[in-house]
Amino acid sequence: MTFGGTRSDAEKALAKALSRYIGYTTGAYDLVRIVSVLECFAGRASAYKEEVVAELRSQSEDRRNEPADTYLSEIINFAQAMDLIATVSSRETKLQRLAPTETGRSVLGAKAANDAGFYQFYLARTVLQADSDYLYPVIKYFTGMHGANIQEYFVFAQTALREERKAWLVEVFPEKILLSRIAEQISWLSAPRGGAGDYRIDVPTMNTARHHSAPRQGWLHELGIWDRTSKTLTKFGTDVLRTLEPSGSYFWLGPDSGVQDALRIVPALQKGGPFEDQLEFAAYETEPSEADVAALVSDVSDVMVASFRDAKLVHAAQASLRLPIEYIQYRAYQDKKRYDWVSLLEKLFHEKKAILERFSAHKGLVGFYRAK
């Protein structure tokens, strides 16, 4: 697939794929509470950070032990790192204003669809895109193949992964200027002092491992990837792990599939997927029948209509097509069939034009829709 952005966009996408983790170590450990930030924006386009903190405090059931503002602010940081909300005020503004992203609105819509499996599936994909580097070693640990404790394994896995990535970057970008432009966007990689010598990786401490591995076990349980009682991976968790390590080891959840070509990385040195725009948790070998497609068109239409009120952008009567696309991906996983969301949506808007209207995208194929 061809990447449609600029060289700078491609460099940023590559750097993001090489540092997919949420670095905060205090505060909002519970995934349900992190996602609850979105509820603060029901019916309004944006809110000041102080307003969001106040609403998060009001959600506390224990009035005698209400969380501190610093803790609640960490919840907001996590929600931003997961691309659920974003800062929409300028840097010069004293009060920070926040708003849900297209992904955030779509997650709200998925919850409103009243399909727990779909909501969990979409949330899992969303969290993995933000945090796969730190989630992977926790998932891998619970395969039961590692004798060390989870903190020791976390440090070992992160150190080995960063060394492997650093070596790859040096190999594919022999020009120092090109390498430095990407390296400076990667938080765990430090430039050589004085411009001479080798790049250095940041080796996580045991304290860092403890702060990060413990809460992510709760996340994996909420996402249906890990069973807290048996301390084993679920069927979905096994499929997620297989996707993240297609060759038996994890290198990354890569950027969009055209990014490496856009950066002119030699094909022989390019890394394979999974890629962000092709993230699937199973091999869908069965082609759907016409009846399968017709049934799915009807189900997708129902989801789009039922979710529109919660998924729509407040400043415009339209919702992102990310919502139905994610539902089609979910059904592909559930049905084990190779649904093509592009052709399926074309069919849907042709057949359901009396109730659903399509709007073009600003760029790419993912546009918007309106339920009439």
Protein backbone atom coordinates (compact mmCIF):
# COMPACT_ATOMS: atom_id res chain seq x y z
CA MET A 1 0.00 0.00 0.00
CA THR A 2 1.26 3.49 -0.87
CA PHE A 3 1.81 5.91 2.00
CA GLY A 4 0.06 9.20 1.34
CA GLY A 5 1.92 11.51 3.71
CA THR A 6 5.09 13.57 3.48
CA ARG A 7 8.62 12.43 4.30
CA SER A 8 8.24 14.05 7.72
CA ASP A 9 4.96 12.16 8.27
CA ALA A 10 6.66 8.90 7.36
CA GLU A 11 9.55 9.55 9.75
CA LYS A 12 7.11 10.35 12.53
CA ALA A 13 5.10 7.18 11.82
CA LEU A 14 8.24 5.04 11.92
CA ALA A 15 9.39 6.60 15.19
CA LYS A 16 5.97 6.00 16.72
CA ALA A 17 6.04 2.34 15.67
CA LEU A 18 9.43 1.98 17.36
CA SER A 19 8.20 3.43 20.64
CA ARG A 20 4.65 2.21 21.19
CA TYR A 21 4.37 2.47 24.93
CA ILE A 22 2.80 4.74 27.50
CA GLY A 23 5.57 5.98 29.72
CA TYR A 24 3.62 7.27 32.70
CA THR A 25 4.25 5.21 35.82
CA THR A 26 1.82 6.61 38.36
CA GLY A 27 -1.90 7.11 38.67
CA ALA A 28 -4.52 5.75 36.33
CA TYR A 29 -3.90 2.03 36.28
CA ASP A 30 -7.46 0.88 35.68
CA LEU A 31 -8.39 0.70 31.99
CA VAL A 32 -12.10 1.19 32.63
CA ARG A 33 -11.36 4.41 34.45
CA ILE A 34 -9.04 5.65 31.70
CA VAL A 35 -11.73 5.13 29.05
CA SER A 36 -14.32 6.76 31.34
CA VAL A 37 -12.69 10.10 30.45
CA LEU A 38 -14.72 9.96 27.24
CA GLU A 39 -17.97 10.13 29.21
CA CYS A 40 -17.02 13.65 30.25
CA PHE A 41 -17.58 14.75 26.64
CA ALA A 42 -21.06 13.35 26.14
CA GLY A 43 -23.02 16.02 24.32
CA ARG A 44 -20.23 18.57 24.11
CA ALA A 45 -17.34 19.13 21.75
CA SER A 46 -14.65 19.97 24.30
CA ALA A 47 -13.95 20.81 27.94
CA TYR A 48 -11.25 22.41 30.03
CA LYS A 49 -8.93 20.02 31.82
CA GLU A 50 -10.16 21.28 35.19
CA GLU A 51 -13.72 20.43 34.16
CA VAL A 52 -12.70 16.91 33.18
CA VAL A 53 -10.87 16.43 36.49
CA ALA A 54 -13.99 17.56 38.36
CA GLU A 55 -16.19 15.10 36.44
CA LEU A 56 -13.75 12.26 37.04
CA ARG A 57 -13.85 13.06 40.74
CA SER A 58 -17.65 12.93 40.68
CA GLN A 59 -17.45 9.35 39.35
CA SER A 60 -15.77 8.22 42.58
CA GLU A 61 -18.06 6.01 44.67
CA ASP A 62 -16.09 6.55 47.88
CA ARG A 63 -16.75 10.15 48.96
CA ARG A 64 -14.57 9.73 52.03
CA ASN A 65 -11.51 8.81 49.98
CA GLU A 66 -11.76 10.84 46.80
CA PRO A 67 -8.71 10.70 44.49
CA ALA A 68 -6.36 13.67 44.37
CA ASP A 69 -6.23 16.01 41.38
CA THR A 70 -2.74 14.76 40.51
CA TYR A 71 -4.06 11.20 40.23
CA LEU A 72 -7.00 12.30 38.09
CA SER A 73 -4.68 14.28 35.84
CA GLU A 74 -2.73 11.08 35.21
CA ILE A 75 -5.94 9.46 33.97
CA ILE A 76 -6.20 12.24 31.39
CA ASN A 77 -2.55 11.67 30.39
CA PHE A 78 -3.26 8.00 29.75
CA ALA A 79 -6.36 8.80 27.69
CA GLN A 80 -4.31 11.19 25.56
CA ALA A 81 -1.56 8.62 25.09
CA MET A 82 -4.18 6.12 23.88
CA ASP A 83 -5.40 8.68 21.31
CA LEU A 84 -8.84 8.85 22.92
CA ILE A 85 -8.64 12.58 23.58
CA ALA A 86 -6.36 15.40 22.45
CA THR A 87 -5.46 18.94 23.43
CA VAL A 88 -7.22 21.41 21.15
CA SER A 89 -6.14 24.66 22.79
CA SER A 90 -2.98 26.48 21.76
CA ARG A 91 0.22 26.35 23.76
CA GLU A 92 -0.15 30.00 24.69
CA THR A 93 -3.52 29.41 26.36
CA LYS A 94 -3.34 29.21 30.15
CA LEU A 95 -6.24 26.78 30.46
CA GLN A 96 -5.89 23.49 28.59
CA ARG A 97 -8.92 22.49 26.52
CA LEU A 98 -9.44 18.85 25.57
CA ALA A 99 -11.64 17.06 23.04
CA PRO A 100 -12.21 13.45 21.92
CA THR A 101 -10.37 12.33 18.80
CA GLU A 102 -12.13 10.50 15.97
CA THR A 103 -10.99 7.30 17.64
CA GLY A 104 -12.39 8.47 20.97
CA ARG A 105 -15.79 9.28 19.50
CA SER A 106 -15.78 5.93 17.68
CA VAL A 107 -14.99 4.08 20.92
CA LEU A 108 -17.98 5.83 22.52
CA GLY A 109 -20.07 4.69 19.57
CA ALA A 110 -18.82 1.13 19.91
CA LYS A 111 -19.90 1.09 23.54
CA ALA A 112 -23.33 2.39 22.55
CA ALA A 113 -23.73 -0.49 20.06
CA ASN A 114 -24.46 -2.80 23.03
CA ASP A 115 -22.20 -5.54 21.70
CA ALA A 116 -19.70 -6.29 24.45
CA GLY A 117 -17.54 -8.42 22.17
CA PHE A 118 -17.22 -5.67 19.57
CA TYR A 119 -16.44 -3.02 22.17
CA GLN A 120 -13.75 -5.18 23.78
CA PHE A 121 -12.24 -6.02 20.38
CA TYR A 122 -12.08 -2.37 19.25
CA LEU A 123 -10.67 -1.24 22.58
CA ALA A 124 -7.99 -3.95 22.39
CA ARG A 125 -6.89 -2.76 18.95
CA THR A 126 -6.84 0.84 20.18
CA VAL A 127 -4.75 0.06 23.26
CA LEU A 128 -2.31 -2.13 21.31
CA GLN A 129 -1.65 0.69 18.84
CA ALA A 130 -0.66 2.90 21.76
CA ASP A 131 1.10 0.41 24.02
CA SER A 132 2.06 -2.84 22.26
CA ASP A 133 5.73 -2.57 23.29
CA TYR A 134 4.87 -2.71 26.98
CA LEU A 135 1.89 -5.04 26.66
CA TYR A 136 3.76 -7.67 24.64
CA PRO A 137 6.21 -8.85 27.36
CA VAL A 138 3.33 -9.14 29.85
CA ILE A 139 1.31 -11.21 27.35
CA LYS A 140 4.34 -13.34 26.50
CA TYR A 141 5.20 -13.94 30.14
CA PHE A 142 1.87 -15.68 30.72
CA THR A 143 2.60 -18.34 28.13
CA GLY A 144 4.40 -19.94 31.08
CA MET A 145 7.69 -20.34 29.23
CA HIS A 146 9.80 -18.02 31.40
CA GLY A 147 11.40 -18.93 34.71
CA ALA A 148 12.21 -15.38 35.80
CA ASN A 149 9.66 -13.26 37.62
CA ILE A 150 7.62 -10.90 35.47
CA GLN A 151 9.66 -7.79 36.34
CA GLU A 152 12.93 -9.50 35.36
CA TYR A 153 11.42 -10.74 32.13
CA PHE A 154 10.02 -7.29 31.35
CA VAL A 155 13.49 -5.71 31.70
CA PHE A 156 15.13 -8.48 29.66
CA ALA A 157 12.56 -8.26 26.84
CA GLN A 158 12.66 -4.46 26.61
CA THR A 159 16.46 -4.32 26.63
CA ALA A 160 16.82 -6.96 23.91
CA LEU A 161 14.10 -5.34 21.79
CA ARG A 162 15.68 -1.89 21.97
CA GLU A 163 19.11 -3.21 21.09
CA GLU A 164 17.66 -5.02 18.08
CA ARG A 165 15.80 -1.92 16.92
CA LYS A 166 18.83 0.31 17.35
CA ALA A 167 20.95 -2.03 15.25
CA TRP A 168 18.27 -2.08 12.55
CA LEU A 169 17.99 1.71 12.44
CA VAL A 170 21.75 2.12 12.11
CA GLU A 171 21.75 -0.41 9.26
CA VAL A 172 18.83 1.04 7.26
CA PHE A 173 19.84 4.69 7.77
CA PRO A 174 23.62 4.84 7.29
CA GLU A 175 23.37 8.61 6.66
CA LYS A 176 23.78 10.29 10.07
CA ILE A 177 21.36 13.12 9.30
CA LEU A 178 18.53 10.77 8.34
CA LEU A 179 19.19 8.57 11.35
CA SER A 180 19.26 11.50 13.75
CA ARG A 181 15.92 12.88 12.49
CA ILE A 182 14.18 9.66 13.46
CA ALA A 183 16.26 8.86 16.54
CA GLU A 184 15.47 12.21 18.16
CA GLN A 185 11.77 11.25 18.13
CA ILE A 186 12.41 7.98 20.02
CA SER A 187 12.47 8.51 23.77
CA TRP A 188 14.47 5.38 24.66
CA LEU A 189 17.30 6.21 22.22
CA SER A 190 20.01 8.76 23.06
CA ALA A 191 22.39 10.41 20.60
CA PRO A 192 26.14 10.01 21.11
CA ARG A 193 27.74 12.79 23.13
CA GLY A 194 29.45 15.36 20.96
CA GLY A 195 28.11 13.70 17.82
CA ALA A 196 30.71 10.91 17.96
CA GLY A 197 30.26 7.32 19.05
CA ASP A 198 27.28 4.99 19.22
CA TYR A 199 23.65 5.64 20.06
CA ARG A 200 22.66 4.43 23.53
CA ILE A 201 19.45 2.74 24.62
CA ASP A 202 17.64 3.43 27.86
CA VAL A 203 17.62 0.21 29.91
CA PRO A 204 14.48 -0.01 32.09
CA THR A 205 15.00 -0.46 35.81
CA MET A 206 13.28 -3.07 37.96
CA ASN A 207 11.29 -0.25 39.51
CA THR A 208 10.04 0.78 36.05
CA ALA A 209 9.18 -2.84 35.30
CA ARG A 210 7.14 -3.13 38.49
CA HIS A 211 5.20 0.06 37.80
CA HIS A 212 4.36 -1.02 34.24
CA SER A 213 3.86 -4.79 34.40
CA ALA A 214 1.39 -4.81 37.29
CA PRO A 215 -1.31 -2.47 35.93
CA ARG A 216 -1.11 -3.96 32.44
CA GLN A 217 -2.23 -7.30 33.81
CA GLY A 218 -5.49 -5.58 34.70
CA TRP A 219 -5.69 -4.05 31.22
CA LEU A 220 -5.21 -7.45 29.58
CA HIS A 221 -7.97 -8.90 31.73
CA GLU A 222 -10.37 -6.11 30.76
CA LEU A 223 -9.49 -6.60 27.08
CA GLY A 224 -10.24 -10.32 27.23
CA ILE A 225 -6.63 -11.24 26.46
CA TRP A 226 -5.69 -12.75 29.83
CA ASP A 227 -7.76 -14.59 32.44
CA ARG A 228 -7.01 -13.29 35.90
CA THR A 229 -8.23 -16.43 37.70
CA SER A 230 -6.28 -19.04 35.75
CA LYS A 231 -3.44 -16.61 34.90
CA THR A 232 -3.42 -17.89 31.33
CA LEU A 233 -4.08 -16.35 27.94
CA THR A 234 -7.55 -16.63 26.47
CA LYS A 235 -8.18 -17.79 22.91
CA PHE A 236 -8.25 -14.13 21.88
CA GLY A 237 -5.03 -13.52 23.79
CA THR A 238 -3.32 -16.38 21.97
CA ASP A 239 -4.44 -14.92 18.64
CA VAL A 240 -3.16 -11.47 19.64
CA LEU A 241 0.22 -12.93 20.62
CA ARG A 242 0.47 -14.88 17.36
CA THR A 243 -0.24 -11.66 15.46
CA LEU A 244 2.40 -9.66 17.33
CA GLU A 245 5.11 -12.28 16.79
CA PRO A 246 4.42 -13.80 13.36
CA SER A 247 7.89 -15.39 13.26
CA GLY A 248 8.01 -16.36 16.91
CA SER A 249 9.48 -13.09 18.18
CA TYR A 250 8.26 -9.52 18.48
CA PHE A 251 9.90 -6.64 16.66
CA TRP A 252 7.03 -4.13 16.43
CA LEU A 253 3.51 -3.28 15.56
CA GLY A 254 4.67 -1.52 12.44
CA PRO A 255 3.54 1.75 10.90
CA ASP A 256 1.21 1.78 7.89
CA SER A 257 2.47 -0.73 5.34
CA GLY A 258 3.74 1.88 2.85
CA VAL A 259 5.92 3.84 5.29
CA GLN A 260 9.13 1.88 4.75
CA ASP A 261 8.86 2.31 0.97
CA ALA A 262 8.22 6.03 1.47
CA LEU A 263 11.44 6.26 3.50
CA ARG A 264 13.29 4.35 0.73
CA ILE A 265 14.38 1.57 3.04
CA VAL A 266 15.97 -1.17 0.95
CA PRO A 267 13.36 -3.94 0.48
CA ALA A 268 15.76 -6.60 1.75
CA LEU A 269 16.11 -4.70 5.03
CA GLN A 270 12.44 -3.88 5.51
CA LYS A 271 10.69 -5.41 8.50
CA GLY A 272 7.47 -7.32 8.06
CA GLY A 273 4.18 -6.80 9.86
CA PRO A 274 1.92 -6.69 11.62
CA PHE A 275 1.29 -3.19 10.31
CA GLU A 276 -1.07 -0.63 11.83
CA ASP A 277 -3.32 -0.53 8.75
CA GLN A 278 -3.41 -4.34 8.47
CA LEU A 279 -3.82 -5.41 12.10
CA GLU A 280 -5.70 -8.71 12.06
CA PHE A 281 -5.80 -11.38 14.75
CA ALA A 282 -6.42 -14.42 12.55
CA ALA A 283 -5.90 -15.68 9.02
CA TYR A 284 -9.23 -15.22 7.28
CA GLU A 285 -9.02 -17.90 4.61
CA THR A 286 -12.72 -18.33 3.81
CA GLU A 287 -14.31 -16.06 1.24
CA PRO A 288 -17.76 -14.85 2.33
CA SER A 289 -20.77 -15.81 0.27
CA GLU A 290 -23.23 -13.26 -1.12
CA ALA A 291 -25.57 -14.20 1.71
CA ASP A 292 -22.77 -13.58 4.26
CA VAL A 293 -22.10 -10.12 2.81
CA ALA A 294 -25.80 -9.24 2.67
CA ALA A 295 -26.26 -10.25 6.31
CA LEU A 296 -23.20 -8.26 7.38
CA VAL A 297 -24.36 -5.17 5.47
CA SER A 298 -27.57 -5.30 7.48
CA ASP A 299 -25.72 -5.76 10.79
CA VAL A 300 -23.23 -2.96 10.05
CA SER A 301 -26.09 -0.64 9.13
CA ASP A 302 -27.81 -1.39 12.45
CA VAL A 303 -24.60 -0.62 14.37
CA MET A 304 -24.07 2.65 12.48
CA VAL A 305 -27.59 3.86 13.21
CA ALA A 306 -27.60 2.72 16.86
CA SER A 307 -24.19 4.27 17.55
CA PHE A 308 -24.49 7.50 15.60
CA ARG A 309 -25.66 9.73 18.48
CA ASP A 310 -22.63 8.82 20.59
CA ALA A 311 -20.09 8.50 17.77
CA LYS A 312 -20.85 11.71 15.90
CA LEU A 313 -18.65 14.75 16.07
CA VAL A 314 -20.39 17.41 18.12
CA HIS A 315 -19.41 20.26 15.79
CA ALA A 316 -20.81 18.42 12.75
CA ALA A 317 -23.64 15.94 12.19
CA GLN A 318 -21.34 13.16 11.05
CA ALA A 319 -19.37 10.26 12.54
CA SER A 320 -16.12 8.66 11.48
CA LEU A 321 -16.22 5.56 9.30
CA ARG A 322 -13.68 4.10 11.69
CA LEU A 323 -16.64 2.77 13.65
CA PRO A 324 -18.16 0.55 10.91
CA ILE A 325 -14.69 -0.39 9.64
CA GLU A 326 -13.77 -1.66 13.10
CA TYR A 327 -17.06 -3.56 13.30
CA ILE A 328 -16.32 -5.23 9.96
CA GLN A 329 -12.84 -6.17 11.26
CA TYR A 330 -14.47 -7.60 14.38
CA ARG A 331 -16.90 -9.68 12.35
CA ALA A 332 -14.07 -10.91 10.13
CA TYR A 333 -12.40 -12.21 13.28
CA GLN A 334 -15.59 -13.71 14.68
CA ASP A 335 -16.81 -15.23 11.41
CA LYS A 336 -13.28 -16.18 10.21
CA LYS A 337 -14.10 -14.74 6.78
CA ARG A 338 -12.21 -12.35 4.54
CA TYR A 339 -14.51 -9.32 4.43
CA ASP A 340 -13.28 -6.36 2.40
CA TRP A 341 -14.42 -3.23 4.19
CA VAL A 342 -13.95 -0.97 1.16
CA SER A 343 -16.32 -2.88 -1.12
CA LEU A 344 -18.66 -3.72 1.74
CA LEU A 345 -19.14 -0.07 2.65
CA GLU A 346 -19.72 0.82 -1.00
CA LYS A 347 -22.46 -1.79 -1.12
CA LEU A 348 -23.89 -0.59 2.20
CA PHE A 349 -24.19 3.06 1.20
CA HIS A 350 -25.79 2.07 -2.10
CA GLU A 351 -28.38 -0.17 -0.48
CA LYS A 352 -28.98 1.92 2.66
CA LYS A 353 -28.92 5.38 1.08
CA ALA A 354 -32.37 6.10 2.49
CA ILE A 355 -31.02 6.00 6.05
CA LEU A 356 -27.23 6.49 5.76
CA GLU A 357 -25.27 9.17 3.93
CA ARG A 358 -21.53 9.07 3.19
CA PHE A 359 -19.10 12.01 3.32
CA SER A 360 -15.65 12.04 1.79
CA ALA A 361 -12.45 11.86 3.80
CA HIS A 362 -10.01 14.73 4.28
CA LYS A 363 -7.38 12.26 3.06
CA GLY A 364 -7.28 8.52 2.48
CA LEU A 365 -10.31 6.21 2.39
CA VAL A 366 -11.67 6.68 5.91
CA GLY A 367 -14.36 9.33 5.70
CA PHE A 368 -17.54 10.05 7.61
CA TYR A 369 -21.22 9.12 7.64
CA ARG A 370 -24.54 10.49 8.83
CA ALA A 371 -27.59 8.58 9.96
CA LYS A 372 -30.59 10.35 8.45
